[in-house]
């Protein structure tokens, strides 16, 4: 054992670390010499160093000496890493000391890679450092190392990490893996997808939720509410959704919820308006008027249909006003047709309602 100082020094030639002691340390040094393989003796010595507020380097050196003997002691490793984390709380995440701490975690995981608490703390440090690729790799390693029963402790941290950064492709891949072990997180995934405007994937995930036919979803929504959410999403974004067939899906909802179909008919018509396919939208409105069975649904559909017809008439009138001489006659005929349709619709209201 070398003589003491209040710091540890590395001899550049021998690469040995000089252990520097104080007078108060002698009794503890003698104790660990007599009981080298007693973890309690080492712990008493460490507690003494902490209580007397010894310099961090001296405390770290003592921990390292103990860990050379008890390299599989979870309690000792956890205490050591916690102590080192505490020392770095005031340092910015780009400080090299954080990298040194991560090296210590890597050494720990050589012996304790089945301990979820170590992985959780390590992941937390990596998240704080802001190294996206490296952090993702640590999370993946944690999931590979830990038994499946412990994965629920890692996944929420992983999801929180990827959703905080603008890495949509990675986040989608991670979420898809997460759903294999926790399908009830699908609604969170849908919210994320809508937020990043990945509406095609969002609609596909919503369709899966609807087909599960649960009474109440994880977010407290009924199957009917999920249907409405899906139909509204696909009807209002026809140019962004390509995977699903919109017309059959909305019609399935219409047949399923026969007492609340007014809004679904309107969404189906809106889908064709947005494509745009105005003639098909008009056909949908006509079909809806003779299909609905309640006054409320009829009123919803008729009001929307009349506004639609009025808007088309206004468009044709505007087109006529802007038309050049060769086109005027054609535009006049179109306007007359749309005005006749609009007037005929208003005249038929009492008959259709009966």
Protein backbone atom coordinates (compact mmCIF):
# COMPACT_ATOMS: atom_id res chain seq x y z
CA UNK A 1 0.00 0.00 0.00
CA UNK A 2 1.46 3.37 -0.97
CA UNK A 3 1.60 6.47 1.14
CA UNK A 4 -1.26 8.90 1.32
CA UNK A 5 -2.54 12.08 -0.23
CA UNK A 6 -6.04 13.34 -0.69
CA UNK A 7 -6.08 12.33 -4.33
CA UNK A 8 -5.31 9.30 -6.43
CA UNK A 9 -2.45 9.38 -8.89
CA UNK A 10 -1.65 7.05 -11.75
CA UNK A 11 2.00 6.22 -12.31
CA UNK A 12 2.64 6.72 -16.05
CA UNK A 13 5.18 3.87 -16.10
CA UNK A 14 3.62 1.17 -13.92
CA UNK A 15 0.00 2.24 -14.58
CA UNK A 16 -0.71 1.57 -10.90
CA UNK A 17 -2.99 3.76 -8.85
CA UNK A 18 -1.54 5.21 -5.68
CA UNK A 19 -3.94 4.89 -2.76
CA UNK A 20 -3.70 7.94 -0.54
CA UNK A 21 -4.87 7.52 3.04
CA UNK A 22 -5.64 9.75 5.97
CA UNK A 23 -5.00 8.85 9.59
CA UNK A 24 -8.68 8.04 10.05
CA UNK A 25 -8.51 5.54 7.21
CA UNK A 26 -5.91 3.29 8.84
CA UNK A 27 -8.35 1.34 10.98
CA UNK A 28 -10.59 0.68 8.00
CA UNK A 29 -7.65 -0.35 5.84
CA UNK A 30 -6.56 -2.81 8.48
CA UNK A 31 -10.11 -4.16 8.67
CA UNK A 32 -10.31 -4.88 4.94
CA UNK A 33 -6.83 -6.41 5.03
CA UNK A 34 -8.06 -8.86 7.66
CA UNK A 35 -11.46 -9.33 5.99
CA UNK A 36 -10.79 -8.73 2.32
CA UNK A 37 -13.78 -10.77 1.19
CA UNK A 38 -16.24 -9.26 3.65
CA UNK A 39 -18.49 -6.84 1.81
CA UNK A 40 -19.61 -5.39 5.13
CA UNK A 41 -16.06 -4.28 5.92
CA UNK A 42 -15.81 -2.54 2.56
CA UNK A 43 -19.22 -0.96 3.01
CA UNK A 44 -18.26 0.41 6.44
CA UNK A 45 -15.16 1.93 4.90
CA UNK A 46 -17.18 3.49 2.06
CA UNK A 47 -19.75 4.84 4.53
CA UNK A 48 -16.92 6.40 6.52
CA UNK A 49 -15.57 8.10 3.39
CA UNK A 50 -19.00 9.45 2.52
CA UNK A 51 -19.71 10.61 6.07
CA UNK A 52 -16.42 12.49 6.31
CA UNK A 53 -17.05 14.03 2.87
CA UNK A 54 -13.82 12.76 1.42
CA UNK A 55 -12.84 14.04 -2.03
CA UNK A 56 -14.81 12.35 -4.84
CA UNK A 57 -11.67 10.81 -6.33
CA UNK A 58 -10.87 9.08 -3.06
CA UNK A 59 -14.40 7.73 -2.75
CA UNK A 60 -14.42 6.56 -6.35
CA UNK A 61 -11.10 4.79 -5.89
CA UNK A 62 -12.41 2.96 -2.84
CA UNK A 63 -15.51 1.86 -4.72
CA UNK A 64 -13.35 0.64 -7.60
CA UNK A 65 -11.15 -1.37 -5.23
CA UNK A 66 -14.21 -3.00 -3.71
CA UNK A 67 -15.75 -3.77 -7.09
CA UNK A 68 -12.63 -5.60 -8.23
CA UNK A 69 -13.49 -8.15 -5.55
CA UNK A 70 -17.29 -7.95 -5.55
CA UNK A 71 -17.91 -7.35 -9.24
CA UNK A 72 -21.30 -9.06 -9.10
CA UNK A 73 -22.62 -7.15 -6.11
CA UNK A 74 -25.75 -5.32 -7.22
CA UNK A 75 -25.89 -3.28 -4.01
CA UNK A 76 -22.30 -2.09 -4.39
CA UNK A 77 -22.60 -1.26 -8.09
CA UNK A 78 -25.90 0.54 -7.61
CA UNK A 79 -24.50 2.61 -4.72
CA UNK A 80 -21.39 3.49 -6.73
CA UNK A 81 -23.28 4.55 -9.86
CA UNK A 82 -25.78 6.54 -7.82
CA UNK A 83 -22.92 8.38 -6.12
CA UNK A 84 -21.32 9.23 -9.47
CA UNK A 85 -24.64 10.41 -10.91
CA UNK A 86 -25.11 12.72 -7.96
CA UNK A 87 -21.72 14.31 -8.60
CA UNK A 88 -22.74 15.21 -12.16
CA UNK A 89 -26.16 16.75 -11.51
CA UNK A 90 -24.90 20.30 -12.04
CA UNK A 91 -22.86 19.48 -15.15
CA UNK A 92 -24.27 20.01 -18.67
CA UNK A 93 -25.11 16.86 -20.66
CA UNK A 94 -22.24 17.45 -23.09
CA UNK A 95 -19.62 17.35 -20.31
CA UNK A 96 -17.13 14.47 -20.88
CA UNK A 97 -17.79 13.30 -17.31
CA UNK A 98 -21.17 11.95 -18.45
CA UNK A 99 -19.37 9.79 -21.01
CA UNK A 100 -17.11 8.45 -18.27
CA UNK A 101 -20.18 7.59 -16.20
CA UNK A 102 -21.64 5.70 -19.15
CA UNK A 103 -18.39 3.74 -19.36
CA UNK A 104 -18.92 2.75 -15.72
CA UNK A 105 -22.44 1.56 -16.57
CA UNK A 106 -21.04 -0.52 -19.40
CA UNK A 107 -18.60 -2.18 -17.00
CA UNK A 108 -21.43 -2.83 -14.56
CA UNK A 109 -23.59 -4.43 -17.24
CA UNK A 110 -20.89 -6.95 -18.04
CA UNK A 111 -21.81 -8.56 -14.71
CA UNK A 112 -25.37 -7.36 -14.06
CA UNK A 113 -27.12 -7.23 -17.42
CA UNK A 114 -30.28 -8.82 -16.00
CA UNK A 115 -30.93 -6.00 -13.55
CA UNK A 116 -33.70 -3.69 -14.85
CA UNK A 117 -32.88 -0.85 -12.45
CA UNK A 118 -29.36 -0.54 -13.88
CA UNK A 119 -30.71 -0.44 -17.43
CA UNK A 120 -33.38 2.11 -16.52
CA UNK A 121 -30.84 4.46 -14.95
CA UNK A 122 -28.46 3.99 -17.88
CA UNK A 123 -31.22 4.75 -20.39
CA UNK A 124 -32.20 7.83 -18.39
CA UNK A 125 -28.64 9.14 -18.54
CA UNK A 126 -28.42 8.50 -22.28
CA UNK A 127 -31.71 10.34 -22.83
CA UNK A 128 -30.35 13.27 -20.87
CA UNK A 129 -27.22 13.36 -23.02
CA UNK A 130 -29.34 13.70 -26.17
CA UNK A 131 -27.43 11.18 -28.27
CA UNK A 132 -30.29 9.81 -30.33
CA UNK A 133 -28.68 6.86 -32.13
CA UNK A 134 -26.61 5.74 -29.14
CA UNK A 135 -29.60 6.04 -26.81
CA UNK A 136 -31.79 3.97 -29.11
CA UNK A 137 -29.14 1.25 -29.14
CA UNK A 138 -29.01 1.19 -25.35
CA UNK A 139 -32.79 0.80 -25.17
CA UNK A 140 -32.65 -2.04 -27.70
CA UNK A 141 -29.89 -3.76 -25.74
CA UNK A 142 -31.93 -3.47 -22.56
CA UNK A 143 -34.90 -5.17 -24.23
CA UNK A 144 -32.67 -7.95 -25.55
CA UNK A 145 -30.96 -8.52 -22.21
CA UNK A 146 -33.95 -8.41 -19.87
CA UNK A 147 -36.60 -11.13 -19.61
CA UNK A 148 -39.93 -10.34 -21.25
CA UNK A 149 -41.56 -9.91 -17.83
CA UNK A 150 -39.37 -6.84 -17.22
CA UNK A 151 -39.97 -5.16 -20.58
CA UNK A 152 -42.89 -3.11 -19.29
CA UNK A 153 -40.37 -1.13 -17.24
CA UNK A 154 -38.35 -0.19 -20.33
CA UNK A 155 -40.98 0.42 -23.01
CA UNK A 156 -42.65 3.54 -21.54
CA UNK A 157 -39.23 5.22 -21.28
CA UNK A 158 -38.35 4.16 -24.83
CA UNK A 159 -41.63 5.48 -26.26
CA UNK A 160 -41.28 8.75 -24.38
CA UNK A 161 -37.75 9.15 -25.74
CA UNK A 162 -38.53 8.54 -29.42
CA UNK A 163 -41.68 10.69 -29.41
CA UNK A 164 -39.75 13.64 -27.98
CA UNK A 165 -37.49 13.78 -31.04
CA UNK A 166 -38.32 14.39 -34.69
CA UNK A 167 -37.47 10.89 -35.86
CA UNK A 168 -40.83 9.70 -37.23
CA UNK A 169 -39.59 6.63 -39.10
CA UNK A 170 -37.75 5.34 -36.05
CA UNK A 171 -40.67 6.15 -33.76
CA UNK A 172 -43.11 4.27 -35.97
CA UNK A 173 -40.85 1.20 -36.02
CA UNK A 174 -40.46 1.32 -32.23
CA UNK A 175 -44.21 1.75 -31.70
CA UNK A 176 -44.98 -1.25 -33.92
CA UNK A 177 -42.69 -3.39 -31.77
CA UNK A 178 -44.28 -1.99 -28.62
CA UNK A 179 -47.78 -2.91 -29.82
CA UNK A 180 -46.75 -6.57 -30.01
CA UNK A 181 -46.35 -6.62 -26.23
CA UNK A 182 -48.93 -3.94 -25.33
CA UNK A 183 -51.74 -3.71 -27.91
CA UNK A 184 -53.70 -1.33 -25.66
CA UNK A 185 -51.16 1.39 -26.53
CA UNK A 186 -52.58 1.55 -30.06
CA UNK A 187 -54.63 4.68 -29.34
CA UNK A 188 -51.49 6.50 -28.21
CA UNK A 189 -49.88 5.42 -31.48
CA UNK A 190 -52.84 6.80 -33.44
CA UNK A 191 -52.56 10.16 -31.66
CA UNK A 192 -48.85 10.31 -32.45
CA UNK A 193 -49.45 9.46 -36.13
CA UNK A 194 -52.14 12.11 -36.49
CA UNK A 195 -49.80 14.63 -34.86
CA UNK A 196 -47.07 14.00 -37.45
CA UNK A 197 -49.59 13.86 -40.33
CA UNK A 198 -49.04 10.15 -41.04
CA UNK A 199 -52.75 9.74 -41.64
CA UNK A 200 -52.66 6.59 -43.75
CA UNK A 201 -50.96 4.64 -40.96
CA UNK A 202 -53.22 6.30 -38.37
CA UNK A 203 -56.31 5.14 -40.26
CA UNK A 204 -54.96 1.59 -40.53
CA UNK A 205 -54.31 1.46 -36.79
CA UNK A 206 -57.76 2.88 -36.05
CA UNK A 207 -59.29 0.20 -38.26
CA UNK A 208 -57.55 -2.45 -36.15
CA UNK A 209 -58.97 -0.86 -33.01
CA UNK A 210 -62.47 -0.85 -34.46
CA UNK A 211 -62.24 -4.49 -35.49
CA UNK A 212 -61.22 -5.51 -31.96
CA UNK A 213 -64.77 -4.51 -30.95
CA UNK A 214 -63.99 -3.73 -27.32
CA UNK A 215 -66.75 -2.20 -25.23
CA UNK A 216 -64.44 0.51 -23.91
CA UNK A 217 -60.99 1.36 -25.27
CA UNK A 218 -57.90 2.20 -23.23
CA UNK A 219 -58.79 5.90 -23.56
CA UNK A 220 -62.39 5.30 -22.53
CA UNK A 221 -63.91 5.46 -26.02
CA UNK A 222 -66.76 3.25 -27.18
CA UNK A 223 -66.60 1.30 -30.43
CA UNK A 224 -69.06 3.79 -31.94
CA UNK A 225 -66.79 6.71 -31.03
CA UNK A 226 -63.84 4.92 -32.63
CA UNK A 227 -65.92 4.29 -35.75
CA UNK A 228 -66.79 7.96 -35.95
CA UNK A 229 -63.14 8.92 -35.47
CA UNK A 230 -62.06 6.55 -38.24
CA UNK A 231 -64.78 7.66 -40.66
CA UNK A 232 -64.07 11.34 -40.04
CA UNK A 233 -60.35 10.81 -40.57
CA UNK A 234 -60.68 8.96 -43.87
CA UNK A 235 -63.50 11.16 -45.19
CA UNK A 236 -61.69 14.44 -44.57
CA UNK A 237 -58.30 13.32 -45.85
CA UNK A 238 -58.94 11.34 -49.06
CA UNK A 239 -55.66 12.38 -50.67
CA UNK A 240 -53.56 11.19 -47.72
CA UNK A 241 -55.16 7.80 -47.13
CA UNK A 242 -54.48 5.06 -49.66
CA UNK A 243 -54.44 1.79 -47.75
CA UNK A 244 -58.12 1.63 -46.79
CA UNK A 245 -61.19 1.61 -49.03
CA UNK A 246 -63.22 4.51 -47.73
CA UNK A 247 -66.66 3.81 -49.18
CA UNK A 248 -67.02 0.23 -47.83
CA UNK A 249 -65.74 1.24 -44.39
CA UNK A 250 -68.20 4.08 -43.94
CA UNK A 251 -71.05 1.95 -45.30
CA UNK A 252 -70.16 -0.76 -42.81
CA UNK A 253 -70.58 1.81 -40.06
CA UNK A 254 -73.91 2.91 -41.55
CA UNK A 255 -75.25 -0.66 -41.47
CA UNK A 256 -73.86 -1.23 -37.99
CA UNK A 257 -75.28 1.88 -36.30
CA UNK A 258 -78.68 2.24 -37.92
CA UNK A 259 -79.98 4.74 -35.37
CA UNK A 260 -77.06 7.19 -35.70
CA UNK A 261 -76.27 7.19 -39.39
CA UNK A 262 -76.85 10.83 -40.36
CA UNK A 263 -73.30 11.93 -39.65
CA UNK A 264 -71.85 8.87 -41.39
CA UNK A 265 -73.82 9.60 -44.56
CA UNK A 266 -72.56 13.19 -44.45
CA UNK A 267 -68.97 11.97 -44.07
CA UNK A 268 -69.35 9.65 -47.05
CA UNK A 269 -70.70 12.52 -49.15
CA UNK A 270 -67.92 14.80 -47.91
CA UNK A 271 -65.36 12.21 -49.01
CA UNK A 272 -66.59 12.43 -52.61
CA UNK A 273 -66.77 16.22 -52.43
CA UNK A 274 -63.12 16.37 -51.40
CA UNK A 275 -61.91 13.96 -54.11
CA UNK A 276 -63.65 15.89 -55.88
CA UNK A 277 -66.47 13.90 -57.46
CA UNK A 278 -69.55 16.11 -57.15
CA UNK A 279 -71.90 13.84 -59.08
CA UNK A 280 -71.05 10.89 -56.85
CA UNK A 281 -71.51 13.10 -53.78
CA UNK A 282 -74.96 14.08 -55.06
CA UNK A 283 -75.84 10.39 -55.49
CA UNK A 284 -74.79 9.74 -51.89
CA UNK A 285 -77.01 12.54 -50.61
CA UNK A 286 -79.96 11.18 -52.60
CA UNK A 287 -79.33 7.67 -51.28
CA UNK A 288 -79.09 8.97 -47.73
CA UNK A 289 -82.41 10.83 -47.91
CA UNK A 290 -84.32 7.63 -48.70
CA UNK A 291 -82.30 5.47 -46.29
CA UNK A 292 -82.36 7.34 -42.96
CA UNK A 293 -85.10 6.39 -40.54
CA UNK A 294 -85.18 9.26 -38.03
CA UNK A 295 -86.24 12.88 -38.39
CA UNK A 296 -82.95 14.00 -36.86
CA UNK A 297 -80.88 12.11 -39.43
CA UNK A 298 -83.11 13.32 -42.26
CA UNK A 299 -82.75 16.94 -41.17
CA UNK A 300 -78.97 16.61 -40.98
CA UNK A 301 -78.72 15.09 -44.44
CA UNK A 302 -81.23 17.43 -46.09
CA UNK A 303 -79.64 20.58 -44.67
CA UNK A 304 -76.18 19.46 -45.82
CA UNK A 305 -77.51 18.43 -49.23
CA UNK A 306 -79.29 21.76 -49.78
CA UNK A 307 -76.16 23.69 -48.83
CA UNK A 308 -74.14 21.50 -51.18
CA UNK A 309 -76.58 22.13 -54.04
CA UNK A 310 -76.64 25.85 -53.32
CA UNK A 311 -72.84 25.98 -53.30
CA UNK A 312 -72.61 24.18 -56.64
CA UNK A 313 -75.15 26.60 -58.12
CA UNK A 314 -73.07 29.53 -56.90
CA UNK A 315 -69.96 28.01 -58.46
CA UNK A 316 -71.72 27.64 -61.81
CA UNK A 317 -72.99 31.23 -61.61
CA UNK A 318 -69.47 32.48 -60.93
CA UNK A 319 -68.16 30.41 -63.85
CA UNK A 320 -70.79 31.95 -66.14
CA UNK A 321 -69.81 35.48 -65.12
CA UNK A 322 -66.17 34.74 -65.99
CA UNK A 323 -66.88 32.83 -69.21
CA UNK A 324 -65.82 34.13 -72.61
CA UNK A 325 -68.22 34.35 -75.54
CA UNK A 326 -67.82 30.82 -77.02
CA UNK A 327 -68.44 29.25 -73.58
CA UNK A 328 -71.40 31.35 -72.45
CA UNK A 329 -74.15 29.15 -73.88
CA UNK A 330 -72.69 26.00 -72.34
CA UNK A 331 -72.26 27.69 -68.95
CA UNK A 332 -75.85 28.97 -69.07
CA UNK A 333 -77.16 25.44 -69.63
CA UNK A 334 -75.09 24.11 -66.74
CA UNK A 335 -76.33 26.86 -64.44
CA UNK A 336 -79.93 26.19 -65.44
CA UNK A 337 -79.49 22.48 -64.70
CA UNK A 338 -78.05 23.10 -61.24
CA UNK A 339 -80.68 25.69 -60.39
CA UNK A 340 -83.42 23.26 -61.41
CA UNK A 341 -81.89 20.55 -59.24
CA UNK A 342 -81.69 22.89 -56.28
CA UNK A 343 -85.30 24.05 -56.64
CA UNK A 344 -86.52 20.48 -57.12
CA UNK A 345 -84.73 19.41 -53.96
CA UNK A 346 -86.43 22.11 -51.90
CA UNK A 347 -89.83 21.18 -53.37
CA UNK A 348 -89.39 17.50 -52.48
CA UNK A 349 -88.64 18.05 -48.79
CA UNK A 350 -92.17 17.39 -47.43
CA UNK A 351 -92.56 14.31 -49.62
CA UNK A 352 -89.17 12.87 -48.65
CA UNK A 353 -89.81 13.51 -44.96
CA UNK A 354 -93.08 11.58 -45.11
